[in-house]
């Protein structure tokens, strides 16, 4: 297990990155109030790990995130996602807090911005992990 914690004086451990060698999965867990610069830093840290270690699955967990959702969807879709796919990511499970505006994203055309890998949205962490485990066992690629 490889682990990296990102912190600021105002928000300790706002982003925890855990890479599991056995599962070939990177889990990124966000907590507290994350500003735009903090989100970019976490996204870049995730890319750094993805480029160093073989990884087909990414779990992005926002269940403990406070405040607004990361507002740079176009940057994520146009810059981050192609870099993650180039690093080998094939499956992304994104866990949102239930009852947030992020859950409305599921039915919007914006969801189709991510064509580089298969992405699924969940509001229950266990379901996201189950989907990734199933994807590893029965790859579509």
N, C-alpha and C. Protein backbone atom coordinates (compact mmCIF):
# COMPACT_ATOMS: atom_id res chain seq x y z
N UNK A 1 0.85 -1.18 0.00
CA UNK A 1 0.00 0.00 0.00
C UNK A 1 0.90 1.24 0.00
N UNK A 2 0.63 2.13 -0.91
CA UNK A 2 1.35 3.40 -0.99
C UNK A 2 0.35 4.49 -0.60
N UNK A 3 0.76 5.38 0.29
CA UNK A 3 -0.17 6.38 0.81
C UNK A 3 0.47 7.76 0.79
N UNK A 4 -0.37 8.76 0.48
CA UNK A 4 0.06 10.15 0.46
C UNK A 4 -1.07 10.99 1.04
N UNK A 5 -0.75 11.89 1.96
CA UNK A 5 -1.74 12.78 2.55
C UNK A 5 -1.41 14.21 2.17
N UNK A 6 -2.43 14.96 1.72
CA UNK A 6 -2.26 16.37 1.42
C UNK A 6 -2.96 17.17 2.50
N UNK A 7 -2.28 18.20 3.01
CA UNK A 7 -2.82 19.02 4.09
C UNK A 7 -2.48 20.48 3.88
N UNK A 8 -3.27 21.32 4.50
CA UNK A 8 -2.94 22.74 4.64
C UNK A 8 -3.11 23.06 6.11
N UNK A 9 -2.60 24.21 6.58
CA UNK A 9 -2.82 24.56 7.99
C UNK A 9 -4.31 24.67 8.34
N UNK A 10 -5.12 25.07 7.37
CA UNK A 10 -6.55 25.24 7.62
C UNK A 10 -7.34 23.93 7.50
N UNK A 11 -6.81 23.00 6.72
CA UNK A 11 -7.57 21.77 6.44
C UNK A 11 -6.60 20.58 6.44
N UNK A 12 -6.46 19.94 7.58
CA UNK A 12 -5.55 18.81 7.70
C UNK A 12 -6.09 17.61 6.93
N UNK A 13 -5.20 16.95 6.21
CA UNK A 13 -5.53 15.71 5.49
C UNK A 13 -6.78 15.85 4.63
N UNK A 14 -6.85 16.91 3.85
CA UNK A 14 -8.02 17.12 3.00
C UNK A 14 -8.09 16.14 1.84
N UNK A 15 -6.95 15.54 1.51
CA UNK A 15 -6.93 14.57 0.42
C UNK A 15 -6.01 13.42 0.79
N UNK A 16 -6.57 12.22 0.83
CA UNK A 16 -5.79 11.03 1.12
C UNK A 16 -5.75 10.19 -0.15
N UNK A 17 -4.55 9.86 -0.61
CA UNK A 17 -4.37 9.04 -1.80
C UNK A 17 -3.77 7.71 -1.37
N UNK A 18 -4.46 6.61 -1.68
CA UNK A 18 -3.99 5.28 -1.31
C UNK A 18 -3.96 4.40 -2.56
N UNK A 19 -2.79 3.88 -2.87
CA UNK A 19 -2.65 2.98 -4.01
C UNK A 19 -2.48 1.56 -3.51
N UNK A 20 -3.36 0.66 -3.97
CA UNK A 20 -3.28 -0.74 -3.62
C UNK A 20 -2.63 -1.50 -4.77
N UNK A 21 -1.46 -2.07 -4.50
CA UNK A 21 -0.73 -2.84 -5.51
C UNK A 21 -1.55 -4.06 -5.93
N UNK A 22 -2.14 -4.76 -4.96
CA UNK A 22 -2.90 -5.99 -5.23
C UNK A 22 -4.10 -5.71 -6.14
N UNK A 23 -4.81 -4.64 -5.86
CA UNK A 23 -6.03 -4.33 -6.62
C UNK A 23 -5.75 -3.47 -7.84
N UNK A 24 -4.55 -2.94 -7.95
CA UNK A 24 -4.22 -1.98 -9.00
C UNK A 24 -5.26 -0.86 -9.01
N UNK A 25 -5.49 -0.31 -7.81
CA UNK A 25 -6.51 0.72 -7.62
C UNK A 25 -5.96 1.88 -6.81
N UNK A 26 -6.25 3.07 -7.28
CA UNK A 26 -5.96 4.28 -6.52
C UNK A 26 -7.26 4.78 -5.93
N UNK A 27 -7.26 5.00 -4.62
CA UNK A 27 -8.42 5.56 -3.94
C UNK A 27 -8.04 6.95 -3.46
N UNK A 28 -8.83 7.93 -3.88
CA UNK A 28 -8.62 9.32 -3.50
C UNK A 28 -9.81 9.73 -2.63
N UNK A 29 -9.54 10.04 -1.37
CA UNK A 29 -10.59 10.39 -0.42
C UNK A 29 -10.43 11.86 -0.04
N UNK A 30 -11.50 12.62 -0.28
CA UNK A 30 -11.52 14.05 0.01
C UNK A 30 -12.33 14.28 1.27
N UNK A 31 -11.89 15.26 2.09
CA UNK A 31 -12.69 15.60 3.27
C UNK A 31 -12.54 17.08 3.59
N UNK A 32 -13.55 17.59 4.25
CA UNK A 32 -13.54 19.00 4.64
C UNK A 32 -13.88 19.92 3.48
N UNK A 33 -13.54 21.17 3.65
CA UNK A 33 -13.81 22.18 2.63
C UNK A 33 -12.57 22.29 1.74
N UNK A 34 -12.72 21.91 0.49
CA UNK A 34 -11.60 21.88 -0.45
C UNK A 34 -11.76 23.02 -1.44
N UNK A 35 -10.77 23.91 -1.49
CA UNK A 35 -10.80 25.03 -2.42
C UNK A 35 -10.34 24.56 -3.80
N UNK A 36 -10.52 25.40 -4.80
CA UNK A 36 -10.07 25.08 -6.15
C UNK A 36 -8.60 24.71 -6.22
N UNK A 37 -7.69 25.53 -5.66
CA UNK A 37 -6.27 25.17 -5.69
C UNK A 37 -5.97 23.84 -5.00
N UNK A 38 -6.67 23.55 -3.91
CA UNK A 38 -6.46 22.29 -3.22
C UNK A 38 -6.93 21.13 -4.10
N UNK A 39 -8.04 21.32 -4.80
CA UNK A 39 -8.55 20.28 -5.69
C UNK A 39 -7.57 20.01 -6.82
N UNK A 40 -7.02 21.07 -7.41
CA UNK A 40 -6.02 20.89 -8.46
C UNK A 40 -4.79 20.14 -7.93
N UNK A 41 -4.35 20.50 -6.72
CA UNK A 41 -3.20 19.83 -6.12
C UNK A 41 -3.48 18.34 -5.93
N UNK A 42 -4.66 18.01 -5.44
CA UNK A 42 -5.03 16.61 -5.25
C UNK A 42 -5.13 15.86 -6.56
N UNK A 43 -5.72 16.50 -7.57
CA UNK A 43 -5.83 15.88 -8.88
C UNK A 43 -4.45 15.62 -9.48
N UNK A 44 -3.54 16.57 -9.31
CA UNK A 44 -2.18 16.40 -9.81
C UNK A 44 -1.45 15.30 -9.05
N UNK A 45 -1.64 15.24 -7.74
CA UNK A 45 -1.02 14.18 -6.94
C UNK A 45 -1.51 12.81 -7.39
N UNK A 46 -2.81 12.72 -7.73
CA UNK A 46 -3.36 11.46 -8.23
C UNK A 46 -2.69 11.09 -9.55
N UNK A 47 -2.53 12.06 -10.45
CA UNK A 47 -1.86 11.78 -11.72
C UNK A 47 -0.42 11.31 -11.50
N UNK A 48 0.26 11.92 -10.56
CA UNK A 48 1.64 11.52 -10.27
C UNK A 48 1.71 10.04 -9.87
N UNK A 49 0.79 9.60 -9.03
CA UNK A 49 0.76 8.19 -8.61
C UNK A 49 0.38 7.30 -9.79
N UNK A 50 -0.62 7.72 -10.56
CA UNK A 50 -1.07 6.92 -11.70
C UNK A 50 0.05 6.72 -12.72
N UNK A 51 0.89 7.71 -12.88
CA UNK A 51 2.00 7.60 -13.84
C UNK A 51 3.12 6.70 -13.32
N UNK A 52 3.22 6.54 -12.00
CA UNK A 52 4.29 5.74 -11.42
C UNK A 52 3.93 4.26 -11.27
N UNK A 53 2.65 3.97 -11.10
CA UNK A 53 2.23 2.61 -10.78
C UNK A 53 1.12 2.16 -11.73
N UNK A 54 1.16 0.90 -12.16
CA UNK A 54 0.08 0.40 -13.03
C UNK A 54 -1.25 0.43 -12.29
N UNK A 55 -2.24 1.01 -12.91
CA UNK A 55 -3.50 1.22 -12.21
C UNK A 55 -4.65 1.29 -13.22
N UNK A 56 -5.56 0.34 -13.14
CA UNK A 56 -6.71 0.36 -14.05
C UNK A 56 -7.94 0.98 -13.40
N UNK A 57 -7.95 1.08 -12.07
CA UNK A 57 -9.14 1.53 -11.36
C UNK A 57 -8.84 2.72 -10.45
N UNK A 58 -9.77 3.66 -10.46
CA UNK A 58 -9.67 4.83 -9.59
C UNK A 58 -11.00 4.99 -8.87
N UNK A 59 -10.92 5.14 -7.56
CA UNK A 59 -12.09 5.44 -6.74
C UNK A 59 -11.92 6.84 -6.19
N UNK A 60 -12.80 7.74 -6.54
CA UNK A 60 -12.77 9.12 -6.06
C UNK A 60 -13.92 9.28 -5.07
N UNK A 61 -13.59 9.44 -3.80
CA UNK A 61 -14.58 9.44 -2.73
C UNK A 61 -14.79 10.85 -2.18
N UNK A 62 -15.96 11.41 -2.45
CA UNK A 62 -16.32 12.75 -1.97
C UNK A 62 -17.36 12.72 -0.85
N UNK A 63 -17.55 11.58 -0.20
CA UNK A 63 -18.60 11.49 0.81
C UNK A 63 -18.40 12.41 1.99
N UNK A 64 -17.14 12.75 2.32
CA UNK A 64 -16.88 13.62 3.46
C UNK A 64 -16.47 15.03 3.05
N UNK A 65 -16.75 15.37 1.82
CA UNK A 65 -16.43 16.70 1.31
C UNK A 65 -17.50 17.68 1.78
N UNK A 66 -17.06 18.87 2.17
CA UNK A 66 -17.98 19.92 2.58
C UNK A 66 -17.91 21.06 1.57
N UNK A 67 -18.99 21.81 1.47
CA UNK A 67 -18.99 22.95 0.56
C UNK A 67 -19.26 22.54 -0.87
N UNK A 68 -18.95 23.43 -1.80
CA UNK A 68 -19.28 23.16 -3.20
C UNK A 68 -18.42 22.07 -3.79
N UNK A 69 -18.98 21.43 -4.79
CA UNK A 69 -18.27 20.40 -5.52
C UNK A 69 -17.22 21.06 -6.40
N UNK A 70 -16.14 20.36 -6.73
CA UNK A 70 -15.08 20.87 -7.59
C UNK A 70 -15.70 21.44 -8.86
N UNK A 71 -15.50 22.74 -9.12
CA UNK A 71 -16.23 23.43 -10.18
C UNK A 71 -15.51 23.48 -11.52
N UNK A 72 -14.45 22.73 -11.69
CA UNK A 72 -13.71 22.78 -12.94
C UNK A 72 -13.91 21.51 -13.76
N UNK A 73 -15.15 21.17 -14.01
CA UNK A 73 -15.47 19.95 -14.75
C UNK A 73 -14.82 19.94 -16.13
N UNK A 74 -14.75 21.08 -16.79
CA UNK A 74 -14.14 21.11 -18.12
C UNK A 74 -12.64 20.80 -18.03
N UNK A 75 -11.96 21.33 -17.02
CA UNK A 75 -10.54 21.03 -16.85
C UNK A 75 -10.35 19.54 -16.58
N UNK A 76 -11.19 18.99 -15.73
CA UNK A 76 -11.09 17.56 -15.42
C UNK A 76 -11.31 16.74 -16.69
N UNK A 77 -12.32 17.09 -17.47
CA UNK A 77 -12.65 16.32 -18.67
C UNK A 77 -11.60 16.49 -19.77
N UNK A 78 -11.11 17.71 -19.95
CA UNK A 78 -10.22 17.98 -21.08
C UNK A 78 -8.74 17.75 -20.78
N UNK A 79 -8.32 17.91 -19.55
CA UNK A 79 -6.90 17.79 -19.20
C UNK A 79 -6.61 16.56 -18.33
N UNK A 80 -7.35 16.47 -17.22
CA UNK A 80 -7.03 15.42 -16.27
C UNK A 80 -7.40 14.03 -16.81
N UNK A 81 -8.60 13.89 -17.32
CA UNK A 81 -9.07 12.57 -17.78
C UNK A 81 -8.19 11.98 -18.88
N UNK A 82 -7.80 12.74 -19.91
CA UNK A 82 -6.90 12.14 -20.91
C UNK A 82 -5.56 11.70 -20.31
N UNK A 83 -5.03 12.47 -19.37
CA UNK A 83 -3.76 12.10 -18.73
C UNK A 83 -3.93 10.84 -17.89
N UNK A 84 -5.06 10.72 -17.19
CA UNK A 84 -5.32 9.53 -16.38
C UNK A 84 -5.48 8.30 -17.28
N UNK A 85 -6.20 8.46 -18.39
CA UNK A 85 -6.38 7.34 -19.32
C UNK A 85 -5.04 6.93 -19.93
N UNK A 86 -4.22 7.90 -20.28
CA UNK A 86 -2.90 7.60 -20.83
C UNK A 86 -2.05 6.84 -19.81
N UNK A 87 -2.27 7.10 -18.54
CA UNK A 87 -1.54 6.40 -17.47
C UNK A 87 -2.09 5.00 -17.22
N UNK A 88 -3.21 4.65 -17.87
CA UNK A 88 -3.74 3.29 -17.76
C UNK A 88 -5.08 3.14 -17.08
N UNK A 89 -5.68 4.23 -16.61
CA UNK A 89 -6.98 4.14 -15.95
C UNK A 89 -8.05 3.72 -16.96
N UNK A 90 -8.81 2.70 -16.60
CA UNK A 90 -9.90 2.22 -17.45
C UNK A 90 -11.27 2.39 -16.80
N UNK A 91 -11.29 2.41 -15.45
CA UNK A 91 -12.55 2.49 -14.71
C UNK A 91 -12.43 3.52 -13.60
N UNK A 92 -13.43 4.40 -13.52
CA UNK A 92 -13.47 5.40 -12.46
C UNK A 92 -14.81 5.31 -11.75
N UNK A 93 -14.77 5.13 -10.45
CA UNK A 93 -15.97 5.17 -9.62
C UNK A 93 -15.90 6.47 -8.82
N UNK A 94 -16.91 7.30 -9.00
CA UNK A 94 -16.95 8.59 -8.31
C UNK A 94 -18.10 8.55 -7.31
N UNK A 95 -17.76 8.70 -6.04
CA UNK A 95 -18.77 8.63 -4.98
C UNK A 95 -19.05 10.06 -4.51
N UNK A 96 -20.32 10.44 -4.64
CA UNK A 96 -20.76 11.78 -4.24
C UNK A 96 -21.54 11.68 -2.94
N UNK A 97 -21.67 12.80 -2.27
CA UNK A 97 -22.53 12.84 -1.09
C UNK A 97 -23.97 12.78 -1.56
N UNK A 98 -24.75 11.95 -0.94
CA UNK A 98 -26.17 11.88 -1.27
C UNK A 98 -26.83 13.22 -0.97
N UNK A 99 -27.73 13.63 -1.83
CA UNK A 99 -28.47 14.86 -1.60
C UNK A 99 -27.74 16.12 -2.01
N UNK A 100 -26.61 16.00 -2.71
CA UNK A 100 -25.90 17.19 -3.17
C UNK A 100 -26.25 17.46 -4.62
N UNK A 101 -25.89 18.63 -5.09
CA UNK A 101 -26.13 18.95 -6.50
C UNK A 101 -25.32 18.05 -7.42
N UNK A 102 -24.26 17.47 -6.92
CA UNK A 102 -23.45 16.58 -7.74
C UNK A 102 -24.26 15.40 -8.24
N UNK A 103 -25.26 14.97 -7.49
CA UNK A 103 -26.06 13.83 -7.93
C UNK A 103 -26.87 14.18 -9.17
N UNK A 104 -27.15 15.45 -9.39
CA UNK A 104 -27.88 15.84 -10.61
C UNK A 104 -27.01 15.70 -11.84
N UNK A 105 -25.71 15.66 -11.67
CA UNK A 105 -24.77 15.51 -12.77
C UNK A 105 -24.99 14.20 -13.51
N UNK A 106 -25.48 13.20 -12.84
CA UNK A 106 -25.64 11.88 -13.43
C UNK A 106 -26.51 11.88 -14.67
N UNK A 107 -27.53 12.70 -14.70
CA UNK A 107 -28.45 12.68 -15.82
C UNK A 107 -28.16 13.74 -16.86
N UNK A 108 -27.11 14.49 -16.73
CA UNK A 108 -26.84 15.59 -17.66
C UNK A 108 -25.89 15.14 -18.77
N UNK A 109 -25.90 15.86 -19.89
CA UNK A 109 -24.99 15.53 -20.98
C UNK A 109 -23.52 15.67 -20.58
N UNK A 110 -23.21 16.42 -19.53
CA UNK A 110 -21.84 16.59 -19.08
C UNK A 110 -21.20 15.24 -18.76
N UNK A 111 -22.01 14.29 -18.31
CA UNK A 111 -21.52 12.95 -18.00
C UNK A 111 -20.81 12.34 -19.21
N UNK A 112 -21.20 12.74 -20.41
CA UNK A 112 -20.62 12.18 -21.62
C UNK A 112 -19.30 12.83 -22.01
N UNK A 113 -18.81 13.77 -21.21
CA UNK A 113 -17.50 14.37 -21.45
C UNK A 113 -16.38 13.35 -21.24
N UNK A 114 -16.65 12.35 -20.45
CA UNK A 114 -15.62 11.37 -20.09
C UNK A 114 -15.73 10.16 -21.00
N UNK A 115 -14.98 10.17 -22.08
CA UNK A 115 -15.00 9.06 -23.03
C UNK A 115 -13.72 8.25 -22.99
N UNK A 116 -12.75 8.69 -22.21
CA UNK A 116 -11.46 8.03 -22.17
C UNK A 116 -11.48 6.74 -21.34
N UNK A 117 -12.43 6.65 -20.43
CA UNK A 117 -12.54 5.49 -19.56
C UNK A 117 -14.00 5.35 -19.17
N UNK A 118 -14.33 4.22 -18.58
CA UNK A 118 -15.70 4.02 -18.11
C UNK A 118 -15.82 4.67 -16.74
N UNK A 119 -16.85 5.49 -16.57
CA UNK A 119 -17.04 6.19 -15.30
C UNK A 119 -18.46 5.92 -14.81
N UNK A 120 -18.56 5.66 -13.53
CA UNK A 120 -19.86 5.45 -12.89
C UNK A 120 -19.91 6.31 -11.63
N UNK A 121 -21.10 6.82 -11.33
CA UNK A 121 -21.30 7.66 -10.15
C UNK A 121 -22.15 6.90 -9.15
N UNK A 122 -21.77 7.07 -7.88
CA UNK A 122 -22.43 6.35 -6.78
C UNK A 122 -22.64 7.30 -5.62
N UNK A 123 -23.60 6.97 -4.76
CA UNK A 123 -23.72 7.69 -3.50
C UNK A 123 -23.51 6.74 -2.32
N UNK A 124 -23.11 5.51 -2.62
CA UNK A 124 -22.77 4.53 -1.58
C UNK A 124 -21.40 3.95 -1.90
N UNK A 125 -20.45 4.14 -0.99
CA UNK A 125 -19.06 3.74 -1.19
C UNK A 125 -18.92 2.24 -1.50
N UNK A 126 -19.64 1.40 -0.76
CA UNK A 126 -19.53 -0.05 -0.96
C UNK A 126 -19.94 -0.44 -2.38
N UNK A 127 -20.95 0.21 -2.94
CA UNK A 127 -21.38 -0.09 -4.31
C UNK A 127 -20.29 0.30 -5.31
N UNK A 128 -19.62 1.40 -5.06
CA UNK A 128 -18.53 1.83 -5.94
C UNK A 128 -17.39 0.80 -5.92
N UNK A 129 -17.02 0.34 -4.73
CA UNK A 129 -15.97 -0.67 -4.61
C UNK A 129 -16.38 -1.98 -5.28
N UNK A 130 -17.63 -2.37 -5.14
CA UNK A 130 -18.12 -3.60 -5.78
C UNK A 130 -18.03 -3.48 -7.30
N UNK A 131 -18.41 -2.33 -7.84
CA UNK A 131 -18.37 -2.12 -9.29
C UNK A 131 -16.92 -2.20 -9.79
N UNK A 132 -15.99 -1.57 -9.08
CA UNK A 132 -14.59 -1.63 -9.50
C UNK A 132 -14.05 -3.06 -9.42
N UNK A 133 -14.40 -3.79 -8.38
CA UNK A 133 -13.96 -5.19 -8.26
C UNK A 133 -14.49 -6.02 -9.41
N UNK A 134 -15.73 -5.83 -9.77
CA UNK A 134 -16.33 -6.54 -10.88
C UNK A 134 -15.67 -6.15 -12.20
N UNK A 135 -15.36 -4.87 -12.36
CA UNK A 135 -14.70 -4.40 -13.58
C UNK A 135 -13.31 -5.00 -13.73
N UNK A 136 -12.60 -5.15 -12.63
CA UNK A 136 -11.27 -5.79 -12.68
C UNK A 136 -11.37 -7.24 -13.10
N UNK A 137 -12.42 -7.93 -12.64
CA UNK A 137 -12.57 -9.36 -12.94
C UNK A 137 -13.08 -9.61 -14.36
N UNK A 138 -13.86 -8.68 -14.89
CA UNK A 138 -14.47 -8.83 -16.22
C UNK A 138 -14.21 -7.60 -17.06
N UNK A 139 -12.95 -7.36 -17.41
CA UNK A 139 -12.64 -6.13 -18.15
C UNK A 139 -13.33 -6.09 -19.51
N UNK A 140 -13.76 -4.89 -19.87
CA UNK A 140 -14.43 -4.69 -21.16
C UNK A 140 -13.41 -4.39 -22.25
N UNK A 141 -12.18 -4.06 -21.86
CA UNK A 141 -11.16 -3.66 -22.84
C UNK A 141 -10.27 -4.82 -23.21
